[in-house]
Every structure is written in structure tokens, then in C-alpha cells.
Amino acid sequence: MYIKKKFKLVLFLLIAAIMVVPLLSGCFKKKEVQETPETQAMEDNSNITIGFSIHGLEVDRWKREKEMAEKYALKKGFNLLVMDAEKNTKKQIKQCENLIYQGVDVLILIPEDEES
């Protein structure tokens, strides 16, 4: 029971953080950075893998979020694994377990059911 509550809290905080980040990204001016060998080395993200579990891609918003995440991953050079649970809670849980088993560095979860 305690683990389930802790998981829900962590999940809630993760979702809240995901929703706040885009709002904050528009608050800062972008600095022009000249490409140097040091900055190129810093941007080698090919060893980073992010799992993205979406409850269902039937909704246009989540289709757009998926497309934006894929473009961003391509631009920044990290690996993105997108899972569509097709509005099935049990399927989404299995997909998240699979992503964790694969060793993703970050798991972004758009849950179908907040109680699961």
C-alpha cells in the first residue's frame, strides 16, 4: 500500500514537472553558442534513452506531443522509445515495466488511469 502511494506521488510530480517545463522554456532568452569541440562533445547524447508511454494516440494533442518529442530527440541525438497503450491500463503498465527493464534513463508517462 505504501509503495503504491509513493509511486502515485512520484508519478504526479513527474507529470507536473513535464507540464511546467514547456511553460518555463519560453521565459528565457536563447543564447547563441558557437560550436566548439567542447560543446560538440557535451551534446553527444546517443547514450541517453528516454521512454515515453502515452495512454492513447487517438487524441490529436498526444499525436503532436509524440511528434515534437521525436523531432527534439532527433535534434539532440538521444534515443526515444514511444509506447502507445491504446487506452488500456494493463497494457500501459506492461509497457512501462518493459521500458524500465530495457534500462531507459528517463520514463515519461502520460497515464490512462490515475488510480493505477
PDB file of N, CA and C in Angstrom:
ATOM      1  N   MET A   1       0.821  -1.184   0.000  1.00  0.00           N
ATOM      2  CA  MET A   1       0.000   0.000   0.000  1.00  0.00           C
ATOM      3  C   MET A   1       0.871   1.256   0.000  1.00  0.00           C
ATOM      4  N   TYR A   2       1.926   1.276   0.839  1.00  0.00           N
ATOM      5  CA  TYR A   2       2.819   2.427   0.930  1.00  0.00           C
ATOM      6  C   TYR A   2       3.539   2.655  -0.389  1.00  0.00           C
ATOM      7  N   ILE A   3       3.972   1.583  -1.035  1.00  0.00           N
ATOM      8  CA  ILE A   3       4.685   1.692  -2.304  1.00  0.00           C
ATOM      9  C   ILE A   3       3.766   2.277  -3.372  1.00  0.00           C
ATOM     10  N   LYS A   4       2.502   1.853  -3.347  1.00  0.00           N
ATOM     11  CA  LYS A   4       1.544   2.344  -4.333  1.00  0.00           C
ATOM     12  C   LYS A   4       1.331   3.856  -4.172  1.00  0.00           C
ATOM     13  N   LYS A   5       1.224   4.317  -2.921  1.00  0.00           N
ATOM     14  CA  LYS A   5       1.052   5.746  -2.669  1.00  0.00           C
ATOM     15  C   LYS A   5       2.300   6.515  -3.076  1.00  0.00           C
ATOM     16  N   LYS A   6       3.462   5.955  -2.773  1.00  0.00           N
ATOM     17  CA  LYS A   6       4.716   6.608  -3.139  1.00  0.00           C
ATOM     18  C   LYS A   6       4.847   6.687  -4.657  1.00  0.00           C
ATOM     19  N   PHE A   7       4.472   5.611  -5.355  1.00  0.00           N
ATOM     20  CA  PHE A   7       4.515   5.598  -6.814  1.00  0.00           C
ATOM     21  C   PHE A   7       3.590   6.664  -7.388  1.00  0.00           C
ATOM     22  N   LYS A   8       2.397   6.791  -6.813  1.00  0.00           N
ATOM     23  CA  LYS A   8       1.450   7.801  -7.290  1.00  0.00           C
ATOM     24  C   LYS A   8       2.011   9.209  -7.089  1.00  0.00           C
ATOM     25  N   LEU A   9       2.665   9.427  -5.946  1.00  0.00           N
ATOM     26  CA  LEU A   9       3.251  10.733  -5.679  1.00  0.00           C
ATOM     27  C   LEU A   9       4.360  11.038  -6.680  1.00  0.00           C
ATOM     28  N   VAL A  10       5.233  10.077  -6.914  1.00  0.00           N
ATOM     29  CA  VAL A  10       6.322  10.266  -7.870  1.00  0.00           C
ATOM     30  C   VAL A  10       5.756  10.510  -9.260  1.00  0.00           C
ATOM     31  N   LEU A  11       4.749   9.744  -9.633  1.00  0.00           N
ATOM     32  CA  LEU A  11       4.112   9.898 -10.933  1.00  0.00           C
ATOM     33  C   LEU A  11       3.492  11.289 -11.069  1.00  0.00           C
ATOM     34  N   PHE A  12       2.803  11.737 -10.029  1.00  0.00           N
ATOM     35  CA  PHE A  12       2.192  13.058 -10.045  1.00  0.00           C
ATOM     36  C   PHE A  12       3.252  14.144 -10.207  1.00  0.00           C
ATOM     37  N   LEU A  13       4.340  14.042  -9.455  1.00  0.00           N
ATOM     38  CA  LEU A  13       5.409  15.037  -9.547  1.00  0.00           C
ATOM     39  C   LEU A  13       6.055  15.036 -10.924  1.00  0.00           C
ATOM     40  N   LEU A  14       6.226  13.854 -11.505  1.00  0.00           N
ATOM     41  CA  LEU A  14       6.810  13.753 -12.841  1.00  0.00           C
ATOM     42  C   LEU A  14       5.913  14.426 -13.874  1.00  0.00           C
ATOM     43  N   ILE A  15       4.628  14.160 -13.804  1.00  0.00           N
ATOM     44  CA  ILE A  15       3.685  14.760 -14.752  1.00  0.00           C
ATOM     45  C   ILE A  15       3.637  16.275 -14.557  1.00  0.00           C
ATOM     46  N   ALA A  16       3.639  16.720 -13.309  1.00  0.00           N
ATOM     47  CA  ALA A  16       3.631  18.156 -13.039  1.00  0.00           C
ATOM     48  C   ALA A  16       4.881  18.817 -13.610  1.00  0.00           C
ATOM     49  N   ALA A  17       6.018  18.169 -13.439  1.00  0.00           N
ATOM     50  CA  ALA A  17       7.270  18.719 -13.976  1.00  0.00           C
ATOM     51  C   ALA A  17       7.222  18.796 -15.494  1.00  0.00           C
ATOM     52  N   ILE A  18       6.665  17.763 -16.119  1.00  0.00           N
ATOM     53  CA  ILE A  18       6.565  17.741 -17.578  1.00  0.00           C
ATOM     54  C   ILE A  18       5.685  18.887 -18.073  1.00  0.00           C
ATOM     55  N   MET A  19       4.643  19.194 -17.329  1.00  0.00           N
ATOM     56  CA  MET A  19       3.734  20.252 -17.757  1.00  0.00           C
ATOM     57  C   MET A  19       4.319  21.644 -17.508  1.00  0.00           C
ATOM     58  N   VAL A  20       5.183  21.789 -16.513  1.00  0.00           N
ATOM     59  CA  VAL A  20       5.748  23.091 -16.173  1.00  0.00           C
ATOM     60  C   VAL A  20       6.923  23.450 -17.079  1.00  0.00           C
ATOM     61  N   VAL A  21       7.710  22.478 -17.483  1.00  0.00           N
ATOM     62  CA  VAL A  21       8.914  22.741 -18.280  1.00  0.00           C
ATOM     63  C   VAL A  21       8.610  23.534 -19.552  1.00  0.00           C
ATOM     64  N   PRO A  22       7.593  23.172 -20.351  1.00  0.00           N
ATOM     65  CA  PRO A  22       7.329  23.970 -21.560  1.00  0.00           C
ATOM     66  C   PRO A  22       6.951  25.423 -21.242  1.00  0.00           C
ATOM     67  N   LEU A  23       6.301  25.631 -20.110  1.00  0.00           N
ATOM     68  CA  LEU A  23       5.943  27.000 -19.741  1.00  0.00           C
ATOM     69  C   LEU A  23       7.184  27.824 -19.418  1.00  0.00           C
ATOM     70  N   LEU A  24       8.136  27.207 -18.743  1.00  0.00           N
ATOM     71  CA  LEU A  24       9.352  27.919 -18.365  1.00  0.00           C
ATOM     72  C   LEU A  24      10.299  28.121 -19.535  1.00  0.00           C
ATOM     73  N   SER A  25      10.226  27.254 -20.507  1.00  0.00           N
ATOM     74  CA  SER A  25      11.168  27.348 -21.624  1.00  0.00           C
ATOM     75  C   SER A  25      10.989  28.642 -22.416  1.00  0.00           C
ATOM     76  N   GLY A  26       9.824  29.216 -22.402  1.00  0.00           N
ATOM     77  CA  GLY A  26       9.591  30.460 -23.117  1.00  0.00           C
ATOM     78  C   GLY A  26      10.003  31.695 -22.326  1.00  0.00           C
ATOM     79  N   CYS A  27      10.397  31.521 -21.075  1.00  0.00           N
ATOM     80  CA  CYS A  27      10.734  32.651 -20.215  1.00  0.00           C
ATOM     81  C   CYS A  27      12.172  33.120 -20.348  1.00  0.00           C
ATOM     82  N   PHE A  28      12.994  32.362 -20.991  1.00  0.00           N
ATOM     83  CA  PHE A  28      14.404  32.695 -21.052  1.00  0.00           C
ATOM     84  C   PHE A  28      14.825  32.958 -22.489  1.00  0.00           C
ATOM     85  N   LYS A  29      15.742  33.915 -22.657  1.00  0.00           N
ATOM     86  CA  LYS A  29      16.279  34.191 -23.984  1.00  0.00           C
ATOM     87  C   LYS A  29      17.284  33.120 -24.347  1.00  0.00           C
ATOM     88  N   LYS A  30      17.269  32.768 -25.586  1.00  0.00           N
ATOM     89  CA  LYS A  30      18.195  31.763 -26.080  1.00  0.00           C
ATOM     90  C   LYS A  30      19.511  32.437 -26.434  1.00  0.00           C
ATOM     91  N   LYS A  31      20.601  31.905 -25.907  1.00  0.00           N
ATOM     92  CA  LYS A  31      21.916  32.452 -26.211  1.00  0.00           C
ATOM     93  C   LYS A  31      22.490  31.722 -27.407  1.00  0.00           C
ATOM     94  N   GLU A  32      23.134  32.493 -28.265  1.00  0.00           N
ATOM     95  CA  GLU A  32      23.825  31.896 -29.401  1.00  0.00           C
ATOM     96  C   GLU A  32      25.142  31.311 -28.910  1.00  0.00           C
ATOM     97  N   VAL A  33      25.342  30.035 -29.156  1.00  0.00           N
ATOM     98  CA  VAL A  33      26.557  29.363 -28.727  1.00  0.00           C
ATOM     99  C   VAL A  33      27.323  28.939 -29.962  1.00  0.00           C
ATOM    100  N   GLN A  34      28.590  29.313 -29.989  1.00  0.00           N
ATOM    101  CA  GLN A  34      29.423  28.900 -31.104  1.00  0.00           C
ATOM    102  C   GLN A  34      29.818  27.448 -30.914  1.00  0.00           C
ATOM    103  N   GLU A  35      29.784  26.710 -32.018  1.00  0.00           N
ATOM    104  CA  GLU A  35      30.170  25.305 -31.972  1.00  0.00           C
ATOM    105  C   GLU A  35      31.677  25.178 -31.782  1.00  0.00           C
ATOM    106  N   THR A  36      32.056  24.538 -30.716  1.00  0.00           N
ATOM    107  CA  THR A  36      33.463  24.240 -30.455  1.00  0.00           C
ATOM    108  C   THR A  36      33.557  22.745 -30.192  1.00  0.00           C
ATOM    109  N   PRO A  37      34.725  22.183 -30.218  1.00  0.00           N
ATOM    110  CA  PRO A  37      34.837  20.752 -29.899  1.00  0.00           C
ATOM    111  C   PRO A  37      34.269  20.411 -28.523  1.00  0.00           C
ATOM    112  N   GLU A  38      34.397  21.352 -27.570  1.00  0.00           N
ATOM    113  CA  GLU A  38      33.877  21.094 -26.224  1.00  0.00           C
ATOM    114  C   GLU A  38      32.349  21.023 -26.230  1.00  0.00           C
ATOM    115  N   THR A  39      31.692  21.972 -26.934  1.00  0.00           N
ATOM    116  CA  THR A  39      30.234  21.958 -26.958  1.00  0.00           C
ATOM    117  C   THR A  39      29.715  20.783 -27.767  1.00  0.00           C
ATOM    118  N   GLN A  40      30.427  20.398 -28.797  1.00  0.00           N
ATOM    119  CA  GLN A  40      30.014  19.226 -29.563  1.00  0.00           C
ATOM    120  C   GLN A  40      30.101  17.977 -28.707  1.00  0.00           C
ATOM    121  N   ALA A  41      31.145  17.865 -27.897  1.00  0.00           N
ATOM    122  CA  ALA A  41      31.294  16.708 -27.020  1.00  0.00           C
ATOM    123  C   ALA A  41      30.197  16.685 -25.965  1.00  0.00           C
ATOM    124  N   MET A  42      29.788  17.873 -25.488  1.00  0.00           N
ATOM    125  CA  MET A  42      28.740  17.942 -24.482  1.00  0.00           C
ATOM    126  C   MET A  42      27.406  17.484 -25.057  1.00  0.00           C
ATOM    127  N   GLU A  43      27.194  17.645 -26.340  1.00  0.00           N
ATOM    128  CA  GLU A  43      25.916  17.321 -26.943  1.00  0.00           C
ATOM    129  C   GLU A  43      25.839  15.895 -27.475  1.00  0.00           C
ATOM    130  N   ASP A  44      26.799  15.056 -27.147  1.00  0.00           N
ATOM    131  CA  ASP A  44      26.728  13.662 -27.560  1.00  0.00           C
ATOM    132  C   ASP A  44      25.802  12.925 -26.597  1.00  0.00           C
ATOM    133  N   ASN A  45      24.543  12.853 -26.975  1.00  0.00           N
ATOM    134  CA  ASN A  45      23.520  12.253 -26.124  1.00  0.00           C
ATOM    135  C   ASN A  45      23.112  10.869 -26.601  1.00  0.00           C
ATOM    136  N   SER A  46      23.897  10.267 -27.474  1.00  0.00           N
ATOM    137  CA  SER A  46      23.493   8.993 -28.066  1.00  0.00           C
ATOM    138  C   SER A  46      23.391   7.866 -27.043  1.00  0.00           C
ATOM    139  N   ASN A  47      23.978   8.051 -25.867  1.00  0.00           N
ATOM    140  CA  ASN A  47      23.885   7.014 -24.847  1.00  0.00           C
ATOM    141  C   ASN A  47      22.697   7.227 -23.910  1.00  0.00           C
ATOM    142  N   ILE A  48      21.895   8.251 -24.156  1.00  0.00           N
ATOM    143  CA  ILE A  48      20.714   8.528 -23.331  1.00  0.00           C
ATOM    144  C   ILE A  48      19.482   7.956 -24.024  1.00  0.00           C
ATOM    145  N   THR A  49      18.698   7.197 -23.265  1.00  0.00           N
ATOM    146  CA  THR A  49      17.460   6.621 -23.795  1.00  0.00           C
ATOM    147  C   THR A  49      16.296   7.080 -22.929  1.00  0.00           C
ATOM    148  N   ILE A  50      15.271   7.603 -23.593  1.00  0.00           N
ATOM    149  CA  ILE A  50      14.077   8.081 -22.906  1.00  0.00           C
ATOM    150  C   ILE A  50      12.888   7.254 -23.359  1.00  0.00           C
ATOM    151  N   GLY A  51      12.135   6.749 -22.395  1.00  0.00           N
ATOM    152  CA  GLY A  51      10.902   6.025 -22.678  1.00  0.00           C
ATOM    153  C   GLY A  51       9.726   6.979 -22.538  1.00  0.00           C
ATOM    154  N   PHE A  52       8.797   6.920 -23.481  1.00  0.00           N
ATOM    155  CA  PHE A  52       7.643   7.823 -23.495  1.00  0.00           C
ATOM    156  C   PHE A  52       6.393   6.970 -23.637  1.00  0.00           C
ATOM    157  N   SER A  53       5.660   6.812 -22.549  1.00  0.00           N
ATOM    158  CA  SER A  53       4.455   5.987 -22.548  1.00  0.00           C
ATOM    159  C   SER A  53       3.227   6.891 -22.584  1.00  0.00           C
ATOM    160  N   ILE A  54       2.449   6.755 -23.650  1.00  0.00           N
ATOM    161  CA  ILE A  54       1.256   7.582 -23.851  1.00  0.00           C
ATOM    162  C   ILE A  54       0.032   6.678 -23.749  1.00  0.00           C
ATOM    163  N   HIS A  55      -0.989   7.151 -23.031  1.00  0.00           N
ATOM    164  CA  HIS A  55      -2.174   6.316 -22.835  1.00  0.00           C
ATOM    165  C   HIS A  55      -2.929   6.056 -24.122  1.00  0.00           C
ATOM    166  N   GLY A  56      -2.850   6.946 -25.081  1.00  0.00           N
ATOM    167  CA  GLY A  56      -3.536   6.722 -26.346  1.00  0.00           C
ATOM    168  C   GLY A  56      -3.244   7.828 -27.339  1.00  0.00           C
ATOM    169  N   LEU A  57      -2.945   7.438 -28.547  1.00  0.00           N
ATOM    170  CA  LEU A  57      -2.629   8.419 -29.589  1.00  0.00           C
ATOM    171  C   LEU A  57      -3.856   8.803 -30.408  1.00  0.00           C
ATOM    172  N   GLU A  58      -5.045   8.460 -29.925  1.00  0.00           N
ATOM    173  CA  GLU A  58      -6.261   8.834 -30.643  1.00  0.00           C
ATOM    174  C   GLU A  58      -6.513  10.336 -30.543  1.00  0.00           C
ATOM    175  N   VAL A  59      -6.023  10.939 -29.474  1.00  0.00           N
ATOM    176  CA  VAL A  59      -6.217  12.367 -29.242  1.00  0.00           C
ATOM    177  C   VAL A  59      -5.120  13.145 -29.975  1.00  0.00           C
ATOM    178  N   ASP A  60      -5.519  14.180 -30.706  1.00  0.00           N
ATOM    179  CA  ASP A  60      -4.569  14.961 -31.506  1.00  0.00           C
ATOM    180  C   ASP A  60      -3.442  15.555 -30.670  1.00  0.00           C
ATOM    181  N   ARG A  61      -3.762  15.973 -29.449  1.00  0.00           N
ATOM    182  CA  ARG A  61      -2.729  16.583 -28.613  1.00  0.00           C
ATOM    183  C   ARG A  61      -1.569  15.626 -28.407  1.00  0.00           C
ATOM    184  N   TRP A  62      -1.866  14.366 -28.124  1.00  0.00           N
ATOM    185  CA  TRP A  62      -0.793  13.406 -27.835  1.00  0.00           C
ATOM    186  C   TRP A  62      -0.043  13.019 -29.107  1.00  0.00           C
ATOM    187  N   LYS A  63      -0.734  13.070 -30.241  1.00  0.00           N
ATOM    188  CA  LYS A  63      -0.031  12.848 -31.514  1.00  0.00           C
ATOM    189  C   LYS A  63       1.006  13.947 -31.727  1.00  0.00           C
ATOM    190  N   ARG A  64       0.592  15.193 -31.457  1.00  0.00           N
ATOM    191  CA  ARG A  64       1.518  16.324 -31.612  1.00  0.00           C
ATOM    192  C   ARG A  64       2.661  16.237 -30.607  1.00  0.00           C
ATOM    193  N   GLU A  65       2.352  15.864 -29.367  1.00  0.00           N
ATOM    194  CA  GLU A  65       3.400  15.722 -28.347  1.00  0.00           C
ATOM    195  C   GLU A  65       4.414  14.662 -28.774  1.00  0.00           C
ATOM    196  N   LYS A  66       3.916  13.561 -29.317  1.00  0.00           N
ATOM    197  CA  LYS A  66       4.797  12.483 -29.778  1.00  0.00           C
ATOM    198  C   LYS A  66       5.701  12.986 -30.904  1.00  0.00           C
ATOM    199  N   GLU A  67       5.108  13.687 -31.870  1.00  0.00           N
ATOM    200  CA  GLU A  67       5.888  14.211 -32.999  1.00  0.00           C
ATOM    201  C   GLU A  67       6.940  15.213 -32.530  1.00  0.00           C
ATOM    202  N   MET A  68       6.566  16.089 -31.598  1.00  0.00           N
ATOM    203  CA  MET A  68       7.524  17.068 -31.083  1.00  0.00           C
ATOM    204  C   MET A  68       8.656  16.373 -30.330  1.00  0.00           C
ATOM    205  N   ALA A  69       8.309  15.361 -29.543  1.00  0.00           N
ATOM    206  CA  ALA A  69       9.336  14.626 -28.795  1.00  0.00           C
ATOM    207  C   ALA A  69      10.292  13.919 -29.750  1.00  0.00           C
ATOM    208  N   GLU A  70       9.755  13.347 -30.830  1.00  0.00           N
ATOM    209  CA  GLU A  70      10.610  12.660 -31.805  1.00  0.00           C
ATOM    210  C   GLU A  70      11.549  13.645 -32.504  1.00  0.00           C
ATOM    211  N   LYS A  71      11.028  14.810 -32.874  1.00  0.00           N
ATOM    212  CA  LYS A  71      11.869  15.827 -33.520  1.00  0.00           C
ATOM    213  C   LYS A  71      12.962  16.311 -32.571  1.00  0.00           C
ATOM    214  N   TYR A  72      12.585  16.526 -31.322  1.00  0.00           N
ATOM    215  CA  TYR A  72      13.557  17.001 -30.332  1.00  0.00           C
ATOM    216  C   TYR A  72      14.633  15.944 -30.084  1.00  0.00           C
ATOM    217  N   ALA A  73      14.223  14.688 -29.995  1.00  0.00           N
ATOM    218  CA  ALA A  73      15.186  13.598 -29.787  1.00  0.00           C
ATOM    219  C   ALA A  73      16.154  13.511 -30.959  1.00  0.00           C
ATOM    220  N   LEU A  74      15.637  13.652 -32.155  1.00  0.00           N
ATOM    221  CA  LEU A  74      16.487  13.612 -33.344  1.00  0.00           C
ATOM    222  C   LEU A  74      17.475  14.784 -33.340  1.00  0.00           C
ATOM    223  N   LYS A  75      16.972  15.961 -32.977  1.00  0.00           N
ATOM    224  CA  LYS A  75      17.815  17.161 -32.944  1.00  0.00           C
ATOM    225  C   LYS A  75      18.917  17.046 -31.893  1.00  0.00           C
ATOM    226  N   LYS A  76      18.579  16.526 -30.719  1.00  0.00           N
ATOM    227  CA  LYS A  76      19.534  16.451 -29.614  1.00  0.00           C
ATOM    228  C   LYS A  76      20.345  15.159 -29.607  1.00  0.00           C
ATOM    229  N   GLY A  77      19.928  14.182 -30.395  1.00  0.00           N
ATOM    230  CA  GLY A  77      20.725  12.973 -30.552  1.00  0.00           C
ATOM    231  C   GLY A  77      20.508  11.886 -29.522  1.00  0.00           C
ATOM    232  N   PHE A  78      19.425  11.941 -28.751  1.00  0.00           N
ATOM    233  CA  PHE A  78      19.185  10.847 -27.820  1.00  0.00           C
ATOM    234  C   PHE A  78      18.160   9.878 -28.387  1.00  0.00           C
ATOM    235  N   ASN A  79      18.077   8.715 -27.784  1.00  0.00           N
ATOM    236  CA  ASN A  79      17.156   7.668 -28.233  1.00  0.00           C
ATOM    237  C   ASN A  79      15.811   7.859 -27.543  1.00  0.00           C
ATOM    238  N   LEU A  80      14.740   7.750 -28.308  1.00  0.00           N
ATOM    239  CA  LEU A  80      13.394   7.894 -27.765  1.00  0.00           C
ATOM    240  C   LEU A  80      12.596   6.652 -28.123  1.00  0.00           C
ATOM    241  N   LEU A  81      12.031   6.020 -27.096  1.00  0.00           N
ATOM    242  CA  LEU A  81      11.172   4.856 -27.295  1.00  0.00           C
ATOM    243  C   LEU A  81       9.753   5.264 -26.926  1.00  0.00           C
ATOM    244  N   VAL A  82       8.853   5.295 -27.902  1.00  0.00           N
ATOM    245  CA  VAL A  82       7.474   5.723 -27.678  1.00  0.00           C
ATOM    246  C   VAL A  82       6.576   4.498 -27.651  1.00  0.00           C
ATOM    247  N   MET A  83       5.720   4.439 -26.634  1.00  0.00           N
ATOM    248  CA  MET A  83       4.769   3.340 -26.487  1.00  0.00           C
ATOM    249  C   MET A  83       3.353   3.913 -26.451  1.00  0.00           C
ATOM    250  N   ASP A  84       2.446   3.297 -27.204  1.00  0.00           N
ATOM    251  CA  ASP A  84       1.038   3.683 -27.224  1.00  0.00           C
ATOM    252  C   ASP A  84       0.248   2.576 -26.541  1.00  0.00           C
ATOM    253  N   ALA A  85      -0.385   2.893 -25.420  1.00  0.00           N
ATOM    254  CA  ALA A  85      -1.131   1.889 -24.660  1.00  0.00           C
ATOM    255  C   ALA A  85      -2.539   1.659 -25.209  1.00  0.00           C
ATOM    256  N   GLU A  86      -2.951   2.449 -26.164  1.00  0.00           N
ATOM    257  CA  GLU A  86      -4.271   2.309 -26.791  1.00  0.00           C
ATOM    258  C   GLU A  86      -5.401   2.301 -25.760  1.00  0.00           C
ATOM    259  N   LYS A  87      -5.271   3.202 -24.773  1.00  0.00           N
ATOM    260  CA  LYS A  87      -6.272   3.375 -23.711  1.00  0.00           C
ATOM    261  C   LYS A  87      -6.504   2.101 -22.897  1.00  0.00           C
ATOM    262  N   ASN A  88      -5.463   1.311 -22.727  1.00  0.00           N
ATOM    263  CA  ASN A  88      -5.534   0.069 -21.962  1.00  0.00           C
ATOM    264  C   ASN A  88      -4.540   0.168 -20.804  1.00  0.00           C
ATOM    265  N   THR A  89      -5.083   0.276 -19.582  1.00  0.00           N
ATOM    266  CA  THR A  89      -4.243   0.474 -18.402  1.00  0.00           C
ATOM    267  C   THR A  89      -3.262  -0.667 -18.199  1.00  0.00           C
ATOM    268  N   LYS A  90      -3.733  -1.896 -18.311  1.00  0.00           N
ATOM    269  CA  LYS A  90      -2.845  -3.046 -18.100  1.00  0.00           C
ATOM    270  C   LYS A  90      -1.727  -3.066 -19.141  1.00  0.00           C
ATOM    271  N   LYS A  91      -2.070  -2.726 -20.365  1.00  0.00           N
ATOM    272  CA  LYS A  91      -1.061  -2.683 -21.428  1.00  0.00           C
ATOM    273  C   LYS A  91      -0.023  -1.606 -21.127  1.00  0.00           C
ATOM    274  N   GLN A  92      -0.476  -0.465 -20.629  1.00  0.00           N
ATOM    275  CA  GLN A  92       0.455   0.612 -20.320  1.00  0.00           C
ATOM    276  C   GLN A  92       1.400   0.219 -19.183  1.00  0.00           C
ATOM    277  N   ILE A  93       0.882  -0.460 -18.181  1.00  0.00           N
ATOM    278  CA  ILE A  93       1.733  -0.920 -17.083  1.00  0.00           C
ATOM    279  C   ILE A  93       2.796  -1.875 -17.608  1.00  0.00           C
ATOM    280  N   LYS A  94       2.400  -2.811 -18.449  1.00  0.00           N
ATOM    281  CA  LYS A  94       3.358  -3.767 -19.037  1.00  0.00           C
ATOM    282  C   LYS A  94       4.409  -3.029 -19.873  1.00  0.00           C
ATOM    283  N   GLN A  95       3.962  -2.043 -20.651  1.00  0.00           N
ATOM    284  CA  GLN A  95       4.896  -1.281 -21.485  1.00  0.00           C
ATOM    285  C   GLN A  95       5.903  -0.517 -20.620  1.00  0.00           C
ATOM    286  N   CYS A  96       5.436   0.069 -19.526  1.00  0.00           N
ATOM    287  CA  CYS A  96       6.342   0.796 -18.631  1.00  0.00           C
ATOM    288  C   CYS A  96       7.337  -0.158 -17.980  1.00  0.00           C
ATOM    289  N   GLU A  97       6.856  -1.317 -17.562  1.00  0.00           N
ATOM    290  CA  GLU A  97       7.763  -2.320 -16.993  1.00  0.00           C
ATOM    291  C   GLU A  97       8.813  -2.722 -18.023  1.00  0.00           C
ATOM    292  N   ASN A  98       8.382  -2.880 -19.267  1.00  0.00           N
ATOM    293  CA  ASN A  98       9.301  -3.248 -20.343  1.00  0.00           C
ATOM    294  C   ASN A  98      10.348  -2.147 -20.574  1.00  0.00           C
ATOM    295  N   LEU A  99       9.906  -0.902 -20.569  1.00  0.00           N
ATOM    296  CA  LEU A  99      10.844   0.212 -20.753  1.00  0.00           C
ATOM    297  C   LEU A  99      11.870   0.258 -19.615  1.00  0.00           C
ATOM    298  N   ILE A 100      11.399   0.044 -18.398  1.00  0.00           N
ATOM    299  CA  ILE A 100      12.310   0.027 -17.250  1.00  0.00           C
ATOM    300  C   ILE A 100      13.281  -1.138 -17.381  1.00  0.00           C
ATOM    301  N   TYR A 101      12.776  -2.289 -17.794  1.00  0.00           N
ATOM    302  CA  TYR A 101      13.631  -3.467 -17.986  1.00  0.00           C
ATOM    303  C   TYR A 101      14.701  -3.203 -19.049  1.00  0.00           C
ATOM    304  N   GLN A 102      14.341  -2.426 -20.077  1.00  0.00           N
ATOM    305  CA  GLN A 102      15.300  -2.084 -21.134  1.00  0.00           C
ATOM    306  C   GLN A 102      16.355  -1.094 -20.653  1.00  0.00           C
ATOM    307  N   GLY A 103      16.140  -0.513 -19.479  1.00  0.00           N
ATOM    308  CA  GLY A 103      17.134   0.380 -18.896  1.00  0.00           C
ATOM    309  C   GLY A 103      17.055   1.818 -19.362  1.00  0.00           C
ATOM    310  N   VAL A 104      15.834   2.314 -19.607  1.00  0.00           N
ATOM    311  CA  VAL A 104      15.717   3.714 -20.016  1.00  0.00           C
ATOM    312  C   VAL A 104      16.268   4.616 -18.910  1.00  0.00           C
ATOM    313  N   ASP A 105      16.836   5.734 -19.307  1.00  0.00           N
ATOM    314  CA  ASP A 105      17.375   6.695 -18.341  1.00  0.00           C
ATOM    315  C   ASP A 105      16.268   7.563 -17.747  1.00  0.00           C
ATOM    316  N   VAL A 106      15.240   7.811 -18.546  1.00  0.00           N
ATOM    317  CA  VAL A 106      14.105   8.636 -18.125  1.00  0.00           C
ATOM    318  C   VAL A 106      12.837   7.970 -18.636  1.00  0.00           C
ATOM    319  N   LEU A 107      11.788   7.992 -17.821  1.00  0.00           N
ATOM    320  CA  LEU A 107      10.495   7.466 -18.254  1.00  0.00           C
ATOM    321  C   LEU A 107       9.464   8.581 -18.125  1.00  0.00           C
ATOM    322  N   ILE A 108       8.893   8.977 -19.261  1.00  0.00           N
ATOM    323  CA  ILE A 108       7.827   9.978 -19.281  1.00  0.00           C
ATOM    324  C   ILE A 108       6.526   9.209 -19.440  1.00  0.00           C
ATOM    325  N   LEU A 109       5.583   9.473 -18.548  1.00  0.00           N
ATOM    326  CA  LEU A 109       4.354   8.698 -18.516  1.00  0.00           C
ATOM    327  C   LEU A 109       3.146   9.620 -18.602  1.00  0.00           C
ATOM    328  N   ILE A 110       2.306   9.382 -19.596  1.00  0.00           N
ATOM    329  CA  ILE A 110       1.008  10.042 -19.703  1.00  0.00           C
ATOM    330  C   ILE A 110      -0.008   8.944 -19.390  1.00  0.00           C
ATOM    331  N   PRO A 111      -0.478   8.861 -18.132  1.00  0.00           N
ATOM    332  CA  PRO A 111      -1.274   7.708 -17.706  1.00  0.00           C
ATOM    333  C   PRO A 111      -2.705   7.715 -18.237  1.00  0.00           C
ATOM    334  N   GLU A 112      -3.213   6.518 -18.449  1.00  0.00           N
ATOM    335  CA  GLU A 112      -4.608   6.330 -18.833  1.00  0.00           C
ATOM    336  C   GLU A 112      -5.497   6.510 -17.604  1.00  0.00           C
ATOM    337  N   ASP A 113      -5.043   5.982 -16.492  1.00  0.00           N
ATOM    338  CA  ASP A 113      -5.858   5.952 -15.283  1.00  0.00           C
ATOM    339  C   ASP A 113      -4.995   6.377 -14.100  1.00  0.00           C
ATOM    340  N   GLU A 114      -5.361   7.469 -13.444  1.00  0.00           N
ATOM    341  CA  GLU A 114      -4.544   7.965 -12.341  1.00  0.00           C
ATOM    342  C   GLU A 114      -4.571   7.047 -11.122  1.00  0.00           C
ATOM    343  N   GLU A 115      -5.487   6.120 -11.076  1.00  0.00           N
ATOM    344  CA  GLU A 115      -5.591   5.210  -9.934  1.00  0.00           C
ATOM    345  C   GLU A 115      -4.705   3.983 -10.070  1.00  0.00           C
ATOM    346  N   SER A 116      -4.192   3.732 -11.253  1.00  0.00           N
ATOM    347  CA  SER A 116      -3.421   2.502 -11.465  1.00  0.00           C
ATOM    348  C   SER A 116      -2.054   2.656 -10.903  1.00  0.00           C
TER     349      SER A 116
END
